[in-house]
N, C-alpha and C. Protein backbone atom coordinates (compact mmCIF):
# COMPACT_ATOMS: atom_id res chain seq x y z
N MET A 1 106.95 92.59 71.47
CA MET A 1 105.47 93.65 71.09
C MET A 1 105.23 93.00 72.54
N PRO A 2 104.47 93.76 73.24
CA PRO A 2 103.32 94.16 74.61
C PRO A 2 102.57 92.78 74.47
N THR A 3 101.92 92.20 75.01
CA THR A 3 100.77 91.76 75.11
C THR A 3 99.62 92.14 76.37
N THR A 4 98.49 92.10 75.96
CA THR A 4 97.58 92.55 76.62
C THR A 4 96.27 91.29 76.87
N THR A 5 96.01 91.13 77.94
CA THR A 5 94.67 90.35 78.00
C THR A 5 93.80 90.73 78.58
N MET A 6 92.62 91.17 78.34
CA MET A 6 91.52 91.86 78.96
C MET A 6 90.25 91.22 78.90
N ASP A 7 89.34 91.48 79.88
CA ASP A 7 87.71 91.21 80.29
C ASP A 7 87.25 92.04 80.20
N PRO A 8 85.76 92.40 79.28
CA PRO A 8 85.49 93.47 79.30
C PRO A 8 85.14 93.93 80.86
N PRO A 9 85.09 95.36 80.74
CA PRO A 9 84.48 95.96 81.97
C PRO A 9 83.28 95.78 82.88
N ALA A 10 83.47 95.50 83.89
CA ALA A 10 81.70 95.49 85.04
C ALA A 10 81.50 96.68 85.20
N PRO A 11 80.09 96.83 85.13
CA PRO A 11 79.59 98.29 84.85
C PRO A 11 79.68 98.42 86.62
N SER A 12 79.64 97.36 87.76
CA SER A 12 79.92 97.71 89.14
C SER A 12 81.05 98.60 89.20
N SER A 13 81.99 98.47 88.47
CA SER A 13 82.96 99.04 88.90
C SER A 13 83.55 100.52 88.47
N ARG A 14 82.00 101.02 87.93
CA ARG A 14 82.22 102.58 87.28
C ARG A 14 82.35 103.25 89.06
N PRO A 15 83.04 104.43 88.67
CA PRO A 15 83.11 105.43 90.28
C PRO A 15 81.95 105.89 89.98
N PRO A 16 81.34 106.31 91.22
CA PRO A 16 80.24 107.28 90.76
C PRO A 16 80.01 109.02 89.92
N GLN A 17 79.00 108.90 89.50
CA GLN A 17 78.91 110.00 88.57
C GLN A 17 79.83 111.36 88.96
N GLY A 18 80.23 112.23 88.44
CA GLY A 18 80.74 113.56 88.59
C GLY A 18 81.74 113.46 89.75
N ARG A 19 82.94 112.46 89.65
CA ARG A 19 84.27 112.50 90.13
C ARG A 19 85.29 111.62 89.37
N PRO A 20 86.30 111.45 89.10
CA PRO A 20 86.92 111.16 88.59
C PRO A 20 87.62 109.72 88.93
N ALA A 21 87.79 109.09 88.12
CA ALA A 21 88.15 107.46 88.87
C ALA A 21 89.87 107.68 89.49
N ARG A 22 89.71 106.85 90.54
CA ARG A 22 91.23 106.89 91.28
C ARG A 22 91.68 105.34 91.31
N VAL A 23 92.88 105.80 90.88
CA VAL A 23 93.80 105.00 90.54
C VAL A 23 95.04 104.60 91.70
N LEU A 24 95.25 103.32 92.14
CA LEU A 24 96.19 103.36 92.86
C LEU A 24 97.12 102.60 92.10
N TYR A 25 98.85 102.88 92.12
CA TYR A 25 99.67 102.25 91.25
C TYR A 25 101.09 101.76 92.17
N ALA A 26 101.15 100.56 92.41
CA ALA A 26 102.32 100.24 93.26
C ALA A 26 103.20 99.49 91.99
N GLU A 27 104.42 100.47 92.49
CA GLU A 27 105.73 100.14 91.38
C GLU A 27 107.09 100.24 92.71
N ASP A 28 107.97 99.19 92.47
CA ASP A 28 109.23 99.46 93.50
C ASP A 28 110.22 100.90 92.56
N LEU A 29 109.60 100.85 91.44
CA LEU A 29 111.22 101.91 90.77
C LEU A 29 110.80 103.48 90.69
N PRO A 30 110.72 104.29 91.27
CA PRO A 30 110.28 105.99 91.70
C PRO A 30 109.89 106.54 90.34
N ASP A 31 110.89 106.21 88.97
CA ASP A 31 110.92 106.79 87.66
C ASP A 31 109.95 106.18 87.33
N LEU A 32 109.33 104.92 87.18
CA LEU A 32 108.16 104.81 87.15
C LEU A 32 106.72 105.07 87.31
N ARG A 33 107.06 105.18 88.62
CA ARG A 33 105.35 105.61 89.41
C ARG A 33 105.36 106.77 89.02
N GLU A 34 106.33 107.95 88.54
CA GLU A 34 106.41 109.31 88.48
C GLU A 34 105.40 109.34 87.27
N LEU A 35 106.12 108.44 86.07
CA LEU A 35 105.57 108.40 84.64
C LEU A 35 104.27 108.18 84.56
N MET A 36 104.02 107.22 85.76
CA MET A 36 102.33 106.49 85.33
C MET A 36 101.52 107.30 86.05
N ARG A 37 102.09 107.94 86.89
CA ARG A 37 100.89 109.10 87.61
C ARG A 37 100.95 110.54 86.64
N LEU A 38 102.07 110.62 85.56
CA LEU A 38 102.03 111.82 84.74
C LEU A 38 101.10 111.27 83.88
N ASN A 39 100.97 110.36 83.21
CA ASN A 39 100.42 109.75 82.29
C ASN A 39 99.08 109.64 82.59
N LEU A 40 98.54 109.27 83.52
CA LEU A 40 96.90 108.85 83.90
C LEU A 40 96.49 110.45 84.27
N LEU A 41 97.18 111.23 84.74
CA LEU A 41 96.94 112.48 85.67
C LEU A 41 96.37 113.43 83.58
N ARG A 42 97.12 112.83 82.93
CA ARG A 42 96.86 113.51 81.23
C ARG A 42 95.32 113.05 81.07
N SER A 43 94.92 111.81 81.53
CA SER A 43 93.81 111.66 81.23
C SER A 43 92.43 111.84 81.98
N GLY A 44 92.65 112.63 83.12
CA GLY A 44 92.03 112.88 83.97
C GLY A 44 91.76 112.16 85.51
N PHE A 45 92.93 110.70 85.49
CA PHE A 45 92.53 110.15 86.51
C PHE A 45 93.22 110.81 88.08
N GLN A 46 92.48 110.50 89.18
CA GLN A 46 93.24 110.63 89.85
C GLN A 46 94.22 109.58 90.49
N VAL A 47 95.46 109.73 90.52
CA VAL A 47 96.46 108.56 91.03
C VAL A 47 96.97 108.76 92.01
N GLU A 48 97.65 107.54 93.16
CA GLU A 48 97.99 107.48 94.10
C GLU A 48 99.15 106.60 94.05
N THR A 49 100.11 106.76 94.49
CA THR A 49 101.23 105.70 94.31
C THR A 49 101.70 105.06 94.97
N VAL A 50 102.23 104.09 95.19
CA VAL A 50 103.15 103.42 96.58
C VAL A 50 104.22 102.59 95.77
N GLY A 51 105.61 102.37 96.86
CA GLY A 51 106.43 101.92 96.20
C GLY A 51 106.35 100.60 96.69
N ASP A 52 105.59 99.59 97.19
CA ASP A 52 105.05 97.84 97.23
C ASP A 52 104.02 97.66 97.24
N GLY A 53 103.75 96.41 97.45
CA GLY A 53 102.62 95.53 97.43
C GLY A 53 102.08 95.85 99.03
N GLY A 54 103.02 95.81 99.90
CA GLY A 54 102.51 96.08 101.26
C GLY A 54 101.89 97.31 101.46
N ALA A 55 102.37 98.38 100.98
CA ALA A 55 101.73 99.80 100.96
C ALA A 55 100.53 99.71 100.00
N ALA A 56 100.74 99.09 99.17
CA ALA A 56 99.02 99.04 98.17
C ALA A 56 98.36 98.51 99.51
N LEU A 57 98.45 97.30 99.60
CA LEU A 57 97.82 96.44 100.65
C LEU A 57 96.84 97.35 101.83
N GLN A 58 98.02 98.21 102.83
CA GLN A 58 97.70 98.79 103.82
C GLN A 58 96.75 99.85 103.45
N ARG A 59 96.81 100.48 101.79
CA ARG A 59 96.03 101.46 101.26
C ARG A 59 94.69 101.40 101.32
N LEU A 60 94.40 100.02 100.53
CA LEU A 60 93.06 99.24 100.46
C LEU A 60 92.32 99.06 101.47
N ARG A 61 93.12 98.47 102.47
CA ARG A 61 92.63 98.28 103.76
C ARG A 61 92.09 99.22 104.40
N ALA A 62 92.67 100.84 104.43
CA ALA A 62 91.99 101.66 104.89
C ALA A 62 90.78 102.26 104.33
N GLY A 63 90.79 101.82 102.84
CA GLY A 63 89.40 102.66 102.22
C GLY A 63 89.44 101.62 101.05
N PRO A 64 88.89 100.54 101.25
CA PRO A 64 88.71 99.60 99.23
C PRO A 64 87.85 100.33 98.69
N ALA A 65 86.95 101.07 99.04
CA ALA A 65 85.76 101.57 98.04
C ALA A 65 86.23 103.03 97.23
N GLU A 66 87.31 103.72 98.08
CA GLU A 66 88.22 104.87 97.29
C GLU A 66 89.11 104.63 96.20
N ILE A 67 89.47 103.26 95.77
CA ILE A 67 90.02 103.03 95.13
C ILE A 67 89.14 102.20 93.74
N ASP A 68 89.24 103.03 92.28
CA ASP A 68 88.32 102.22 91.40
C ASP A 68 88.92 101.44 90.32
N LEU A 69 90.61 100.98 90.31
CA LEU A 69 91.59 100.36 89.70
C LEU A 69 92.82 100.39 90.58
N LEU A 70 93.20 99.21 90.65
CA LEU A 70 94.73 98.93 91.29
C LEU A 70 95.80 98.34 90.05
N ILE A 71 96.69 98.82 89.72
CA ILE A 71 97.82 98.41 88.74
C ILE A 71 98.67 98.48 89.44
N THR A 72 99.77 97.07 89.34
CA THR A 72 100.73 96.58 90.24
C THR A 72 101.68 96.09 89.29
N ASP A 73 102.76 95.95 89.73
CA ASP A 73 103.77 95.40 88.77
C ASP A 73 103.52 94.16 89.93
N HIS A 74 104.53 93.00 89.15
CA HIS A 74 104.82 92.06 89.79
C HIS A 74 105.99 91.61 90.51
N GLN A 75 107.13 92.38 90.20
CA GLN A 75 108.34 91.69 90.80
C GLN A 75 108.47 93.31 91.52
N MET A 76 108.05 93.16 93.03
CA MET A 76 108.83 94.22 94.12
C MET A 76 109.40 93.73 95.25
N PRO A 77 110.06 94.43 95.92
CA PRO A 77 110.48 93.74 97.30
C PRO A 77 109.28 93.84 97.73
N GLY A 78 109.72 92.95 99.26
CA GLY A 78 108.51 92.62 100.32
C GLY A 78 107.39 91.90 99.33
N MET A 79 106.15 92.43 99.76
CA MET A 79 105.16 91.91 99.35
C MET A 79 105.10 91.81 97.74
N ASN A 80 105.04 90.68 96.83
CA ASN A 80 105.19 90.83 95.35
C ASN A 80 103.61 91.15 94.62
N GLY A 81 103.51 91.70 93.49
CA GLY A 81 102.19 91.60 93.17
C GLY A 81 101.19 90.39 93.18
N LEU A 82 101.52 89.34 93.06
CA LEU A 82 100.78 88.22 93.23
C LEU A 82 100.34 88.34 94.52
N ASP A 83 101.02 87.82 96.11
CA ASP A 83 100.58 87.87 97.04
C ASP A 83 100.05 89.26 97.08
N LEU A 84 99.73 90.51 96.68
CA LEU A 84 99.08 91.42 96.75
C LEU A 84 97.87 91.13 96.29
N VAL A 85 97.64 90.60 95.40
CA VAL A 85 96.40 90.44 94.63
C VAL A 85 95.89 89.02 95.34
N ARG A 86 96.37 88.20 95.86
CA ARG A 86 96.01 87.21 96.76
C ARG A 86 95.54 87.81 98.21
N SER A 87 96.03 88.56 98.59
CA SER A 87 95.60 89.42 99.89
C SER A 87 94.63 90.04 99.41
N LEU A 88 94.29 90.92 98.29
CA LEU A 88 93.42 91.88 98.13
C LEU A 88 91.84 91.03 98.62
N ARG A 89 91.75 89.61 97.55
CA ARG A 89 90.76 88.71 97.49
C ARG A 89 89.88 88.74 98.79
N LEU A 90 90.65 88.87 99.69
CA LEU A 90 90.37 88.86 101.15
C LEU A 90 89.06 89.83 101.63
N LEU A 91 89.50 91.39 101.00
CA LEU A 91 88.91 92.46 101.25
C LEU A 91 87.66 92.90 100.61
N PRO A 92 86.91 93.57 101.10
CA PRO A 92 85.88 94.03 100.39
C PRO A 92 85.98 94.97 99.17
N TYR A 93 87.25 94.33 98.45
CA TYR A 93 87.27 95.54 97.47
C TYR A 93 86.68 95.10 96.20
N GLN A 94 85.85 96.05 95.17
CA GLN A 94 85.11 95.76 94.14
C GLN A 94 85.79 96.52 92.76
N GLY A 95 86.84 97.30 93.11
CA GLY A 95 87.18 97.69 91.98
C GLY A 95 88.32 96.76 90.45
N LYS A 96 88.50 97.29 89.92
CA LYS A 96 89.57 96.73 88.86
C LYS A 96 90.90 96.55 89.16
N VAL A 97 91.22 95.00 88.97
CA VAL A 97 93.09 95.21 88.66
C VAL A 97 93.31 94.54 87.91
N MET A 98 94.69 95.40 87.56
CA MET A 98 95.48 95.37 86.15
C MET A 98 96.98 95.04 86.67
N VAL A 99 97.57 94.01 86.18
CA VAL A 99 99.04 94.11 86.32
C VAL A 99 99.58 94.04 85.11
N TYR A 100 100.48 95.21 85.43
CA TYR A 100 101.40 95.93 84.87
C TYR A 100 102.96 95.29 84.68
N ALA A 101 103.77 94.17 84.28
CA ALA A 101 105.07 93.84 84.68
C ALA A 101 105.66 93.38 83.22
N SER A 102 106.87 92.75 83.55
CA SER A 102 107.82 92.51 82.78
C SER A 102 107.83 91.23 83.23
N GLU A 103 108.26 90.38 82.25
CA GLU A 103 108.84 88.75 82.73
C GLU A 103 107.87 87.52 83.40
N LEU A 104 106.79 87.91 83.31
CA LEU A 104 105.84 87.05 83.68
C LEU A 104 105.90 85.60 82.97
N ASP A 105 105.82 84.44 83.97
CA ASP A 105 106.14 83.30 82.83
C ASP A 105 104.55 83.03 83.06
N PRO A 106 104.31 81.53 82.07
CA PRO A 106 102.80 81.42 82.29
C PRO A 106 102.37 80.87 83.58
N GLU A 107 103.15 80.47 84.38
CA GLU A 107 102.21 79.89 85.35
C GLU A 107 101.93 80.92 86.24
N VAL A 108 102.56 82.17 86.39
CA VAL A 108 102.26 82.97 86.97
C VAL A 108 101.23 83.87 86.13
N ASN A 109 101.11 84.04 85.11
CA ASN A 109 100.10 84.50 84.28
C ASN A 109 98.86 84.07 84.79
N HIS A 110 98.94 82.62 84.52
CA HIS A 110 97.95 82.05 84.92
C HIS A 110 97.16 82.22 86.42
N THR A 111 97.76 82.05 86.70
CA THR A 111 97.40 82.47 88.64
C THR A 111 96.85 83.53 88.84
N TYR A 112 97.39 84.75 88.05
CA TYR A 112 96.92 86.07 88.14
C TYR A 112 95.31 85.86 87.44
N ARG A 113 95.17 85.57 86.60
CA ARG A 113 93.86 84.92 85.97
C ARG A 113 93.01 84.30 86.52
N ARG A 114 93.24 83.40 87.45
CA ARG A 114 92.55 82.61 88.18
C ARG A 114 91.98 83.67 89.29
N LEU A 115 92.87 84.51 89.57
CA LEU A 115 92.88 85.27 90.98
C LEU A 115 91.49 86.37 90.26
N GLY A 116 91.29 86.69 89.01
CA GLY A 116 90.55 87.53 88.76
C GLY A 116 90.99 89.03 88.47
N VAL A 117 91.94 88.55 87.67
CA VAL A 117 93.17 90.04 87.65
C VAL A 117 92.18 90.39 85.89
N HIS A 118 91.87 91.91 85.96
CA HIS A 118 91.21 91.83 84.48
C HIS A 118 91.67 92.31 83.52
N VAL A 119 93.14 92.71 83.65
CA VAL A 119 94.45 92.97 82.85
C VAL A 119 95.71 92.27 83.09
N ILE A 120 96.32 91.92 82.01
CA ILE A 120 97.86 91.60 82.38
C ILE A 120 98.49 92.63 80.91
N LEU A 121 99.12 93.22 81.64
CA LEU A 121 99.74 94.19 80.69
C LEU A 121 101.23 94.14 80.60
N ALA A 122 102.12 93.60 79.20
CA ALA A 122 103.42 93.59 79.51
C ALA A 122 104.24 95.04 79.21
N LYS A 123 105.51 95.24 80.22
CA LYS A 123 106.39 96.11 79.93
C LYS A 123 107.41 96.11 78.78
N PRO A 124 107.61 96.86 78.29
CA PRO A 124 107.17 98.41 78.11
C PRO A 124 105.90 98.28 77.21
N VAL A 125 105.32 99.49 77.44
CA VAL A 125 104.16 99.79 76.36
C VAL A 125 104.26 101.13 76.12
N ARG A 126 103.71 101.92 75.06
CA ARG A 126 103.57 102.96 74.75
C ARG A 126 102.46 104.06 75.56
N PRO A 127 102.79 105.12 76.34
CA PRO A 127 101.93 105.98 77.35
C PRO A 127 100.42 105.79 76.92
N ALA A 128 100.42 105.86 75.37
CA ALA A 128 99.09 106.38 74.80
C ALA A 128 98.14 105.03 74.55
N LEU A 129 98.77 103.66 74.77
CA LEU A 129 97.91 102.30 74.47
C LEU A 129 97.54 102.29 76.33
N LEU A 130 99.03 102.39 76.82
CA LEU A 130 98.18 102.52 78.25
C LEU A 130 96.92 103.06 78.91
N ARG A 131 97.21 104.39 78.27
CA ARG A 131 96.11 105.00 78.66
C ARG A 131 94.50 104.72 78.07
N ARG A 132 94.59 103.98 76.88
CA ARG A 132 93.27 103.29 76.31
C ARG A 132 93.11 102.07 77.34
N VAL A 133 94.00 101.13 77.44
CA VAL A 133 93.78 99.95 77.99
C VAL A 133 92.83 101.12 80.15
N VAL A 134 93.25 101.52 80.56
CA VAL A 134 93.16 102.14 81.82
C VAL A 134 91.60 102.68 81.39
N GLU A 135 91.30 103.46 80.48
CA GLU A 135 90.26 104.02 80.04
C GLU A 135 88.74 102.82 79.45
N THR A 136 89.72 101.86 78.70
CA THR A 136 88.46 100.89 79.05
C THR A 136 87.71 100.17 80.30
N LEU A 137 88.87 99.82 80.73
CA LEU A 137 88.58 99.28 82.27
C LEU A 137 87.62 100.33 82.92
N LEU A 138 87.57 101.63 83.36
CA LEU A 138 86.78 102.57 83.55
C LEU A 138 86.32 103.41 82.75
N PRO A 139 85.27 102.95 81.97
CA PRO A 139 85.05 104.19 80.90
C PRO A 139 84.10 105.12 81.20
N ALA A 140 83.36 105.04 82.24
CA ALA A 140 82.61 106.12 82.05
C ALA A 140 83.43 107.16 83.51
N ALA A 141 84.55 107.33 83.58
CA ALA A 141 85.43 107.48 84.76
C ALA A 141 85.84 109.15 84.88
N ARG A 142 85.79 109.59 83.29
CA ARG A 142 86.55 110.95 83.36
C ARG A 142 85.77 112.00 82.75
């Protein structure tokens, strides 16, 4: 059964009125990227996808205020999710962060929490639950 840990959403992470929330999803498996994109589009979110943590970091460096939620896998080639979140904390990124991954050991999970990750969601999860979690993080975004 998937586990979810979540803090309450912070009002400052809400996108401005009149525009949909923008989500960046970092995942190395193309099929999962596409499933996530389609799932979140159904809820009215704008979704960008990238294939690894390095590409996600590059996108966030180019426009940290343009992304309201980063969703990242943990195990990816090149820069993994943990290294991405560590690097992200050096940017002026004010959005939310969700880790959507399988096989996180307790130490890695704890490190993500120390770095301020808002939600850690274990794969696999039903699409409706995933949408509800994202909607909870970005409540005024649709």
